[in-house]
């Protein structure tokens, strides 16, 4: 199944939330569910794009 969002975009979403955008507003803006965001957050939080690509390519 093709992923809708790249690791780079997911990390960008998390950074937007860290910058102060409300999670509900962020999810509406990007068309994702809040449960999806909260699933991604522990997986990608604190990563940069190159680190995420390395881990997920295994």
PDB file of N, CA and C in Angstrom:
ATOM      1  N   UNK A   1       0.841  -1.177   0.000  1.00  0.00           N
ATOM      2  CA  UNK A   1       0.000   0.000   0.000  1.00  0.00           C
ATOM      3  C   UNK A   1       0.889   1.245   0.000  1.00  0.00           C
ATOM      4  N   UNK A   2       0.592   2.177  -0.880  1.00  0.00           N
ATOM      5  CA  UNK A   2       1.368   3.404  -0.986  1.00  0.00           C
ATOM      6  C   UNK A   2       1.058   4.321   0.187  1.00  0.00           C
ATOM      7  N   UNK A   3       2.111   4.869   0.765  1.00  0.00           N
ATOM      8  CA  UNK A   3       1.930   5.802   1.868  1.00  0.00           C
ATOM      9  C   UNK A   3       1.461   7.142   1.325  1.00  0.00           C
ATOM     10  N   UNK A   4       0.533   7.741   2.022  1.00  0.00           N
ATOM     11  CA  UNK A   4       0.006   9.034   1.599  1.00  0.00           C
ATOM     12  C   UNK A   4       0.955  10.177   1.963  1.00  0.00           C
ATOM     13  N   UNK A   5       1.644  10.038   3.091  1.00  0.00           N
ATOM     14  CA  UNK A   5       2.546  11.079   3.563  1.00  0.00           C
ATOM     15  C   UNK A   5       3.950  10.514   3.731  1.00  0.00           C
ATOM     16  N   UNK A   6       4.932  11.285   3.292  1.00  0.00           N
ATOM     17  CA  UNK A   6       6.324  10.878   3.465  1.00  0.00           C
ATOM     18  C   UNK A   6       6.754  11.128   4.902  1.00  0.00           C
ATOM     19  N   UNK A   7       7.864  10.531   5.272  1.00  0.00           N
ATOM     20  CA  UNK A   7       8.419  10.757   6.605  1.00  0.00           C
ATOM     21  C   UNK A   7       8.696  12.241   6.821  1.00  0.00           C
ATOM     22  N   UNK A   8       9.169  12.903   5.766  1.00  0.00           N
ATOM     23  CA  UNK A   8       9.465  14.337   5.842  1.00  0.00           C
ATOM     24  C   UNK A   8       8.217  15.138   6.204  1.00  0.00           C
ATOM     25  N   UNK A   9       7.099  14.823   5.570  1.00  0.00           N
ATOM     26  CA  UNK A   9       5.851  15.535   5.864  1.00  0.00           C
ATOM     27  C   UNK A   9       5.361  15.247   7.279  1.00  0.00           C
ATOM     28  N   UNK A  10       5.458  14.003   7.714  1.00  0.00           N
ATOM     29  CA  UNK A  10       5.009  13.639   9.059  1.00  0.00           C
ATOM     30  C   UNK A  10       5.818  14.398  10.106  1.00  0.00           C
ATOM     31  N   UNK A  11       7.126  14.448   9.919  1.00  0.00           N
ATOM     32  CA  UNK A  11       7.976  15.194  10.848  1.00  0.00           C
ATOM     33  C   UNK A  11       7.604  16.670  10.818  1.00  0.00           C
ATOM     34  N   UNK A  12       7.267  17.180   9.645  1.00  0.00           N
ATOM     35  CA  UNK A  12       6.810  18.567   9.536  1.00  0.00           C
ATOM     36  C   UNK A  12       5.523  18.807  10.310  1.00  0.00           C
ATOM     37  N   UNK A  13       4.598  17.859  10.265  1.00  0.00           N
ATOM     38  CA  UNK A  13       3.348  17.991  11.027  1.00  0.00           C
ATOM     39  C   UNK A  13       3.644  18.072  12.525  1.00  0.00           C
ATOM     40  N   UNK A  14       4.532  17.222  12.984  1.00  0.00           N
ATOM     41  CA  UNK A  14       4.872  17.205  14.409  1.00  0.00           C
ATOM     42  C   UNK A  14       5.538  18.517  14.810  1.00  0.00           C
ATOM     43  N   UNK A  15       6.403  19.043  13.951  1.00  0.00           N
ATOM     44  CA  UNK A  15       7.057  20.326  14.249  1.00  0.00           C
ATOM     45  C   UNK A  15       6.044  21.466  14.282  1.00  0.00           C
ATOM     46  N   UNK A  16       5.028  21.410  13.415  1.00  0.00           N
ATOM     47  CA  UNK A  16       3.967  22.424  13.447  1.00  0.00           C
ATOM     48  C   UNK A  16       3.248  22.400  14.793  1.00  0.00           C
ATOM     49  N   UNK A  17       2.957  21.213  15.283  1.00  0.00           N
ATOM     50  CA  UNK A  17       2.281  21.087  16.577  1.00  0.00           C
ATOM     51  C   UNK A  17       3.178  21.602  17.699  1.00  0.00           C
ATOM     52  N   UNK A  18       4.464  21.302  17.623  1.00  0.00           N
ATOM     53  CA  UNK A  18       5.399  21.782  18.637  1.00  0.00           C
ATOM     54  C   UNK A  18       5.530  23.301  18.606  1.00  0.00           C
ATOM     55  N   UNK A  19       5.318  23.894  17.431  1.00  0.00           N
ATOM     56  CA  UNK A  19       5.408  25.350  17.286  1.00  0.00           C
ATOM     57  C   UNK A  19       4.172  26.058  17.829  1.00  0.00           C
ATOM     58  N   UNK A  20       3.152  25.290  18.192  1.00  0.00           N
ATOM     59  CA  UNK A  20       1.989  25.891  18.836  1.00  0.00           C
ATOM     60  C   UNK A  20       0.667  25.735  18.109  1.00  0.00           C
ATOM     61  N   UNK A  21       0.660  25.134  16.928  1.00  0.00           N
ATOM     62  CA  UNK A  21      -0.600  24.910  16.220  1.00  0.00           C
ATOM     63  C   UNK A  21      -1.373  23.805  16.936  1.00  0.00           C
ATOM     64  N   UNK A  22      -2.634  24.059  17.208  1.00  0.00           N
ATOM     65  CA  UNK A  22      -3.471  23.068  17.891  1.00  0.00           C
ATOM     66  C   UNK A  22      -3.581  21.810  17.034  1.00  0.00           C
ATOM     67  N   UNK A  23      -3.547  20.663  17.679  1.00  0.00           N
ATOM     68  CA  UNK A  23      -3.581  19.385  16.959  1.00  0.00           C
ATOM     69  C   UNK A  23      -4.852  19.259  16.125  1.00  0.00           C
ATOM     70  N   UNK A  24      -5.995  19.678  16.668  1.00  0.00           N
ATOM     71  CA  UNK A  24      -7.244  19.604  15.894  1.00  0.00           C
ATOM     72  C   UNK A  24      -7.148  20.434  14.618  1.00  0.00           C
ATOM     73  N   UNK A  25      -6.606  21.639  14.722  1.00  0.00           N
ATOM     74  CA  UNK A  25      -6.463  22.516  13.555  1.00  0.00           C
ATOM     75  C   UNK A  25      -5.462  21.930  12.560  1.00  0.00           C
ATOM     76  N   UNK A  26      -4.379  21.388  13.064  1.00  0.00           N
ATOM     77  CA  UNK A  26      -3.361  20.786  12.210  1.00  0.00           C
ATOM     78  C   UNK A  26      -3.943  19.608  11.429  1.00  0.00           C
ATOM     79  N   UNK A  27      -4.704  18.773  12.113  1.00  0.00           N
ATOM     80  CA  UNK A  27      -5.298  17.602  11.459  1.00  0.00           C
ATOM     81  C   UNK A  27      -6.304  18.006  10.389  1.00  0.00           C
ATOM     82  N   UNK A  28      -7.121  19.008  10.674  1.00  0.00           N
ATOM     83  CA  UNK A  28      -8.061  19.503   9.662  1.00  0.00           C
ATOM     84  C   UNK A  28      -7.313  20.072   8.464  1.00  0.00           C
ATOM     85  N   UNK A  29      -6.269  20.841   8.729  1.00  0.00           N
ATOM     86  CA  UNK A  29      -5.479  21.488   7.673  1.00  0.00           C
ATOM     87  C   UNK A  29      -4.888  20.463   6.706  1.00  0.00           C
ATOM     88  N   UNK A  30      -4.419  19.328   7.241  1.00  0.00           N
ATOM     89  CA  UNK A  30      -3.723  18.340   6.415  1.00  0.00           C
ATOM     90  C   UNK A  30      -4.569  17.115   6.074  1.00  0.00           C
ATOM     91  N   UNK A  31      -5.790  17.062   6.586  1.00  0.00           N
ATOM     92  CA  UNK A  31      -6.681  15.959   6.248  1.00  0.00           C
ATOM     93  C   UNK A  31      -6.305  14.638   6.894  1.00  0.00           C
ATOM     94  N   UNK A  32      -5.838  14.700   8.136  1.00  0.00           N
ATOM     95  CA  UNK A  32      -5.519  13.470   8.862  1.00  0.00           C
ATOM     96  C   UNK A  32      -6.363  13.408  10.128  1.00  0.00           C
ATOM     97  N   UNK A  33      -6.522  12.227  10.666  1.00  0.00           N
ATOM     98  CA  UNK A  33      -7.251  12.065  11.917  1.00  0.00           C
ATOM     99  C   UNK A  33      -6.328  12.321  13.100  1.00  0.00           C
ATOM    100  N   UNK A  34      -6.903  12.797  14.182  1.00  0.00           N
ATOM    101  CA  UNK A  34      -6.077  13.061  15.363  1.00  0.00           C
ATOM    102  C   UNK A  34      -5.461  11.768  15.900  1.00  0.00           C
ATOM    103  N   UNK A  35      -6.162  10.649  15.759  1.00  0.00           N
ATOM    104  CA  UNK A  35      -5.592   9.379  16.223  1.00  0.00           C
ATOM    105  C   UNK A  35      -4.349   9.020  15.402  1.00  0.00           C
ATOM    106  N   UNK A  36      -4.368   9.338  14.111  1.00  0.00           N
ATOM    107  CA  UNK A  36      -3.199   9.100  13.270  1.00  0.00           C
ATOM    108  C   UNK A  36      -2.035   9.962  13.729  1.00  0.00           C
ATOM    109  N   UNK A  37      -2.309  11.237  14.005  1.00  0.00           N
ATOM    110  CA  UNK A  37      -1.257  12.131  14.484  1.00  0.00           C
ATOM    111  C   UNK A  37      -0.639  11.596  15.770  1.00  0.00           C
ATOM    112  N   UNK A  38      -1.481  11.208  16.712  1.00  0.00           N
ATOM    113  CA  UNK A  38      -0.970  10.720  17.995  1.00  0.00           C
ATOM    114  C   UNK A  38      -0.258   9.374  17.863  1.00  0.00           C
ATOM    115  N   UNK A  39      -0.553   8.616  16.820  1.00  0.00           N
ATOM    116  CA  UNK A  39       0.185   7.378  16.550  1.00  0.00           C
ATOM    117  C   UNK A  39       1.582   7.710  16.007  1.00  0.00           C
ATOM    118  N   UNK A  40       1.653   8.730  15.146  1.00  0.00           N
ATOM    119  CA  UNK A  40       2.928   9.131  14.562  1.00  0.00           C
ATOM    120  C   UNK A  40       3.847   9.819  15.568  1.00  0.00           C
ATOM    121  N   UNK A  41       3.268  10.579  16.500  1.00  0.00           N
ATOM    122  CA  UNK A  41       4.066  11.429  17.388  1.00  0.00           C
ATOM    123  C   UNK A  41       5.165  10.674  18.137  1.00  0.00           C
ATOM    124  N   UNK A  42       4.878   9.585  18.834  1.00  0.00           N
ATOM    125  CA  UNK A  42       5.982   8.908  19.536  1.00  0.00           C
ATOM    126  C   UNK A  42       6.991   8.263  18.587  1.00  0.00           C
ATOM    127  N   UNK A  43       6.532   7.914  17.392  1.00  0.00           N
ATOM    128  CA  UNK A  43       7.412   7.253  16.434  1.00  0.00           C
ATOM    129  C   UNK A  43       8.404   8.229  15.800  1.00  0.00           C
ATOM    130  N   UNK A  44       7.958   9.461  15.530  1.00  0.00           N
ATOM    131  CA  UNK A  44       8.776  10.422  14.793  1.00  0.00           C
ATOM    132  C   UNK A  44       9.235  11.612  15.623  1.00  0.00           C
ATOM    133  N   UNK A  45       8.758  11.773  16.833  1.00  0.00           N
ATOM    134  CA  UNK A  45       9.083  12.941  17.650  1.00  0.00           C
ATOM    135  C   UNK A  45      10.583  13.018  17.920  1.00  0.00           C
ATOM    136  N   UNK A  46      11.160  14.178  17.682  1.00  0.00           N
ATOM    137  CA  UNK A  46      12.577  14.400  17.934  1.00  0.00           C
ATOM    138  C   UNK A  46      13.496  13.933  16.822  1.00  0.00           C
ATOM    139  N   UNK A  47      12.943  13.412  15.743  1.00  0.00           N
ATOM    140  CA  UNK A  47      13.767  12.930  14.631  1.00  0.00           C
ATOM    141  C   UNK A  47      13.915  14.010  13.578  1.00  0.00           C
ATOM    142  N   UNK A  48      15.026  13.935  12.861  1.00  0.00           N
ATOM    143  CA  UNK A  48      15.115  14.699  11.636  1.00  0.00           C
ATOM    144  C   UNK A  48      14.844  13.723  10.494  1.00  0.00           C
ATOM    145  N   UNK A  49      14.728  14.240   9.297  1.00  0.00           N
ATOM    146  CA  UNK A  49      14.299  13.414   8.168  1.00  0.00           C
ATOM    147  C   UNK A  49      15.290  12.287   7.883  1.00  0.00           C
ATOM    148  N   UNK A  50      16.584  12.563   7.899  1.00  0.00           N
ATOM    149  CA  UNK A  50      17.562  11.520   7.573  1.00  0.00           C
ATOM    150  C   UNK A  50      17.538  10.389   8.603  1.00  0.00           C
ATOM    151  N   UNK A  51      17.339  10.721   9.858  1.00  0.00           N
ATOM    152  CA  UNK A  51      17.262   9.702  10.911  1.00  0.00           C
ATOM    153  C   UNK A  51      16.024   8.827  10.715  1.00  0.00           C
ATOM    154  N   UNK A  52      14.897   9.440  10.397  1.00  0.00           N
ATOM    155  CA  UNK A  52      13.662   8.686  10.175  1.00  0.00           C
ATOM    156  C   UNK A  52      13.800   7.747   8.982  1.00  0.00           C
ATOM    157  N   UNK A  53      14.409   8.218   7.904  1.00  0.00           N
ATOM    158  CA  UNK A  53      14.573   7.377   6.720  1.00  0.00           C
ATOM    159  C   UNK A  53      15.459   6.176   7.025  1.00  0.00           C
ATOM    160  N   UNK A  54      16.506   6.380   7.823  1.00  0.00           N
ATOM    161  CA  UNK A  54      17.409   5.289   8.188  1.00  0.00           C
ATOM    162  C   UNK A  54      16.682   4.225   8.994  1.00  0.00           C
ATOM    163  N   UNK A  55      15.931   4.641   9.981  1.00  0.00           N
ATOM    164  CA  UNK A  55      15.217   3.700  10.847  1.00  0.00           C
ATOM    165  C   UNK A  55      14.123   2.967  10.084  1.00  0.00           C
ATOM    166  N   UNK A  56      13.370   3.679   9.273  1.00  0.00           N
ATOM    167  CA  UNK A  56      12.231   3.068   8.598  1.00  0.00           C
ATOM    168  C   UNK A  56      12.628   2.220   7.395  1.00  0.00           C
ATOM    169  N   UNK A  57      13.853   2.359   6.907  1.00  0.00           N
ATOM    170  CA  UNK A  57      14.273   1.562   5.756  1.00  0.00           C
ATOM    171  C   UNK A  57      14.729   0.163   6.158  1.00  0.00           C
ATOM    172  N   UNK A  58      14.820  -0.108   7.439  1.00  0.00           N
ATOM    173  CA  UNK A  58      15.267  -1.428   7.917  1.00  0.00           C
ATOM    174  C   UNK A  58      14.220  -2.472   7.747  1.00  0.00           C
TER     175      UNK A  58
END
